[in-house]
Protein backbone atom coordinates (compact mmCIF):
# COMPACT_ATOMS: atom_id res chain seq x y z
CA MET A 1 -11.01 -1.76 30.87
CA PRO A 2 -12.69 -2.01 27.46
CA GLU A 3 -16.18 -3.44 27.24
CA VAL A 4 -16.08 -7.19 26.56
CA LEU A 5 -17.90 -7.96 23.32
CA SER A 6 -18.86 -11.19 21.64
CA LYS A 7 -17.56 -11.89 18.13
CA LYS A 8 -21.03 -11.19 16.79
CA GLU A 9 -21.25 -7.84 18.59
CA GLN A 10 -17.75 -6.88 17.44
CA GLN A 11 -18.78 -7.48 13.85
CA ARG A 12 -22.06 -5.61 14.31
CA ARG A 13 -20.28 -2.53 15.65
CA PHE A 14 -17.61 -2.72 12.97
CA LEU A 15 -20.22 -2.81 10.20
CA LEU A 16 -22.23 0.01 11.75
CA GLY A 17 -19.07 2.10 11.98
CA TYR A 18 -18.28 1.26 8.36
CA LYS A 19 -21.75 2.42 7.37
CA TYR A 20 -21.26 5.76 9.11
CA ALA A 21 -17.85 6.23 7.50
CA PHE A 22 -18.33 5.03 3.95
CA ASN A 23 -21.91 4.41 2.87
CA ASN A 24 -22.44 8.08 2.13
CA ALA A 25 -19.12 9.67 1.21
CA ALA A 26 -20.69 13.12 1.00
CA ARG A 27 -21.75 12.89 4.64
CA SER A 28 -19.19 10.63 6.30
CA ASN A 29 -19.64 10.65 10.05
CA TRP A 30 -16.25 9.64 11.41
CA LYS A 31 -17.07 10.79 14.93
CA LYS A 32 -19.82 8.17 15.12
CA ALA A 33 -17.66 5.52 13.44
CA VAL A 34 -14.64 5.88 15.74
CA PRO A 35 -16.19 4.75 19.07
CA LEU A 36 -17.84 1.79 17.35
CA TRP A 37 -14.56 0.73 15.75
CA TYR A 38 -12.65 1.36 18.98
CA ALA A 39 -14.93 -0.97 20.92
CA ALA A 40 -14.55 -3.71 18.30
CA ALA A 41 -10.80 -3.12 17.88
CA SER A 42 -10.19 -3.25 21.63
CA ASN A 43 -11.74 -6.72 21.59
CA GLY A 44 -9.43 -7.92 18.80
CA HIS A 45 -11.45 -7.26 15.63
CA LYS A 46 -8.64 -6.90 13.08
CA ARG A 47 -10.51 -4.85 10.45
CA ALA A 48 -11.62 -2.43 13.17
CA GLN A 49 -8.01 -2.24 14.35
CA PHE A 50 -6.91 -1.38 10.82
CA TYR A 51 -9.51 1.37 10.50
CA MET A 52 -8.58 2.78 13.88
CA GLY A 53 -5.08 3.07 12.45
CA VAL A 54 -6.48 4.86 9.40
CA CYS A 55 -8.44 7.28 11.60
CA TYR A 56 -5.38 8.26 13.63
CA ASP A 57 -3.17 8.31 10.54
CA PHE A 58 -5.37 10.78 8.65
CA GLY A 59 -7.22 12.54 11.46
CA ASN A 60 -10.62 11.08 10.63
CA GLY A 61 -12.87 11.66 13.64
CA VAL A 62 -9.85 11.99 15.94
CA LYS A 63 -6.76 14.16 16.19
CA THR A 64 -3.94 12.90 13.96
CA ASP A 65 -1.60 10.78 16.05
CA ARG A 66 0.98 8.66 14.22
CA GLU A 67 1.96 6.78 17.38
CA GLU A 68 -1.64 5.61 17.81
CA ALA A 69 -1.91 4.89 14.09
CA PHE A 70 1.14 2.62 14.24
CA TYR A 71 -0.18 0.93 17.40
CA TRP A 72 -3.42 -0.08 15.70
CA TYR A 73 -1.85 -0.94 12.35
CA LEU A 74 0.62 -3.23 14.10
CA LYS A 75 -2.15 -4.99 16.02
CA ALA A 76 -4.05 -5.65 12.78
CA ALA A 77 -0.86 -6.60 10.92
CA MET A 78 0.06 -9.20 13.53
CA GLN A 79 -3.33 -10.77 12.91
CA GLY A 80 -2.56 -10.96 9.20
CA HIS A 81 -4.39 -7.91 7.85
CA MET A 82 -2.83 -7.35 4.40
CA ASP A 83 -3.15 -3.55 4.16
CA ALA A 84 -2.08 -3.08 7.78
CA GLN A 85 1.06 -5.10 7.06
CA PHE A 86 1.83 -2.80 4.15
CA ASN A 87 1.29 0.30 6.30
CA VAL A 88 3.56 -1.04 9.05
CA GLY A 89 6.18 -1.55 6.36
CA LEU A 90 5.76 2.07 5.26
CA PHE A 91 6.30 3.28 8.84
CA PHE A 92 9.60 1.39 9.01
CA ARG A 93 10.60 2.49 5.50
CA SER A 94 9.96 6.18 6.18
CA GLY A 95 11.04 6.31 9.83
CA ILE A 96 7.78 7.99 10.88
CA TYR A 97 7.34 7.54 14.66
CA VAL A 98 9.50 4.36 14.63
CA ASN A 99 13.21 4.20 13.84
CA LYS A 100 13.83 3.77 10.11
CA ASP A 101 14.53 0.09 9.45
CA ASP A 102 14.53 -1.11 5.83
CA GLU A 103 14.93 -4.77 6.81
CA ARG A 104 11.78 -4.68 8.93
CA ALA A 105 10.01 -2.78 6.18
CA VAL A 106 10.84 -5.56 3.71
CA LYS A 107 9.59 -8.18 6.17
CA TRP A 108 6.17 -6.53 6.37
CA PHE A 109 6.01 -5.80 2.64
CA MET A 110 6.74 -9.47 1.98
CA LEU A 111 3.92 -10.62 4.25
CA SER A 112 1.48 -8.27 2.55
CA ALA A 113 2.75 -9.07 -0.95
CA LYS A 114 2.32 -12.82 -0.43
CA GLN A 115 -1.33 -12.19 0.39
CA GLY A 116 -1.77 -10.31 -2.89
CA GLY A 117 -1.10 -6.74 -1.81
CA ASN A 118 -0.19 -4.87 -4.99
CA TRP A 119 1.22 -1.78 -3.26
CA ALA A 120 3.41 -4.08 -1.18
CA ARG A 121 4.50 -5.98 -4.28
CA ASN A 122 5.61 -2.74 -5.89
CA GLU A 123 7.47 -1.67 -2.75
CA LEU A 124 9.11 -5.08 -2.56
CA GLY A 125 10.21 -4.72 -6.18
CA TYR A 126 11.60 -1.29 -5.34
CA SER A 127 13.45 -2.77 -2.34
CA TYR A 128 15.07 -5.44 -4.50
CA PHE A 129 15.88 -2.95 -7.25
CA TYR A 130 17.82 -0.59 -4.97
CA GLY A 131 18.93 -3.07 -2.30
CA ASN A 132 16.94 -1.38 0.47
CA GLY A 133 16.78 -3.81 3.38
CA ILE A 134 17.53 -6.78 1.16
CA GLU A 135 20.23 -7.84 -1.31
CA LYS A 136 19.94 -6.00 -4.62
CA ASP A 137 18.48 -8.21 -7.35
CA HIS A 138 16.99 -6.67 -10.49
CA HIS A 139 15.48 -9.96 -11.63
CA LYS A 140 13.53 -10.31 -8.38
CA ALA A 141 12.55 -6.65 -8.62
CA VAL A 142 11.04 -7.34 -12.05
CA TYR A 143 9.26 -10.43 -10.68
CA TRP A 144 7.44 -8.39 -8.03
CA TYR A 145 6.77 -5.47 -10.35
CA LYS A 146 5.17 -7.87 -12.81
CA LEU A 147 2.91 -9.39 -10.15
CA ALA A 148 1.65 -5.94 -9.19
CA ALA A 149 1.42 -4.83 -12.83
CA ARG A 150 -0.92 -7.73 -13.62
CA ASN A 151 -3.46 -5.94 -11.46
CA ASN A 152 -2.71 -2.56 -13.05
CA GLU A 153 -0.90 -1.02 -10.09
CA ALA A 154 0.21 2.24 -11.70
CA ARG A 155 3.59 2.63 -9.99
CA ALA A 156 4.50 -0.98 -10.75
CA LEU A 157 3.55 -0.49 -14.40
CA TYR A 158 5.79 2.57 -14.50
CA ASN A 159 8.69 0.85 -12.72
CA LEU A 160 8.41 -2.15 -15.01
CA ALA A 161 8.48 0.16 -18.03
CA LEU A 162 11.70 1.71 -16.74
CA CYS A 163 13.22 -1.76 -16.38
CA TYR A 164 12.45 -2.48 -20.03
CA LYS A 165 13.66 0.94 -21.10
CA HIS A 166 17.08 0.48 -19.49
CA GLY A 167 17.39 -3.33 -19.57
CA HIS A 168 17.40 -3.84 -15.80
CA GLY A 169 16.48 -7.43 -14.94
CA VAL A 170 14.98 -7.95 -18.42
CA LYS A 171 16.13 -7.72 -22.00
CA GLN A 172 16.00 -4.08 -23.07
CA SER A 173 12.91 -3.47 -25.18
CA ARG A 174 11.60 -0.19 -26.47
CA ARG A 175 8.31 -1.84 -27.42
CA TRP A 176 7.61 -3.24 -23.95
CA ALA A 177 8.77 -0.04 -22.27
CA LYS A 178 6.28 1.95 -24.32
CA TYR A 179 3.56 -0.64 -23.63
CA TYR A 180 3.91 -0.35 -19.86
CA PHE A 181 4.34 3.44 -19.92
CA GLU A 182 1.06 3.62 -21.85
CA LYS A 183 -0.71 1.38 -19.33
CA ALA A 184 0.59 3.48 -16.43
CA GLY A 185 -0.38 6.63 -18.31
CA LYS A 186 -3.93 5.39 -18.71
CA LYS A 187 -4.05 5.03 -14.93
CA GLY A 188 -3.17 8.73 -14.69
CA TYR A 189 0.46 8.29 -13.66
CA ARG A 190 2.04 11.57 -14.72
CA LYS A 191 5.64 10.38 -14.80
CA ALA A 192 4.62 7.76 -17.36
CA LEU A 193 2.97 10.39 -19.54
CA LYS A 194 6.17 12.41 -19.47
CA GLN A 195 8.18 9.35 -20.52
CA LEU A 196 5.78 8.76 -23.42
CA GLU A 197 6.60 12.19 -24.81
CA GLU A 198 10.03 10.82 -25.74
CA TYR A 199 8.47 8.06 -27.84
CA THR A 200 6.07 10.46 -29.52
CA SER A 201 8.87 12.90 -30.32
CA SER A 202 11.16 10.21 -31.74
CA THR A 203 8.34 8.80 -33.91
CA MET A 204 7.61 12.25 -35.33
CA ALA A 205 11.30 12.88 -35.92
CA GLY A 206 11.58 9.60 -37.81
């Protein structure tokens, strides 16, 4: 049985674990963070549950275990943790540990996106664009791409640029395509930089 902790003690252990993990990136001490987060997570602390998922997902302080990662992400997601909801969606989208289920993926992306999750908004746009787990709708894809792009989410900027380039869900526009490719490029998105080469080449040719 896990140790029963008060809300105050849960938060204290979570913050101490966070300090060990992140306050000095050059000397992160995940092995000290994990037991503190585990104690808080076992008592229902949703941020600790999320970080336990991260630890098992990436092998930080523990052996990588995707089953455990999903277990903790799901616990946090059911309590409304935005990033955990996105990660649960990714598990269902990719079929890692759980059976691949695009409809469930969309459900979790939607929950995260409505809270402001930009990665989830991009994935939701992608789902609408290709009809993965939901009825294909390019206009709705553009809607979600635009929401994520407002916060400079690189993949959403790139996807939105492609929509303008080909006229999917929006009026085709070379100017807007270039604009969003440039914004994605400034975020270091390599595919956008490659797309921009076309515009540079055509300008020089003209």
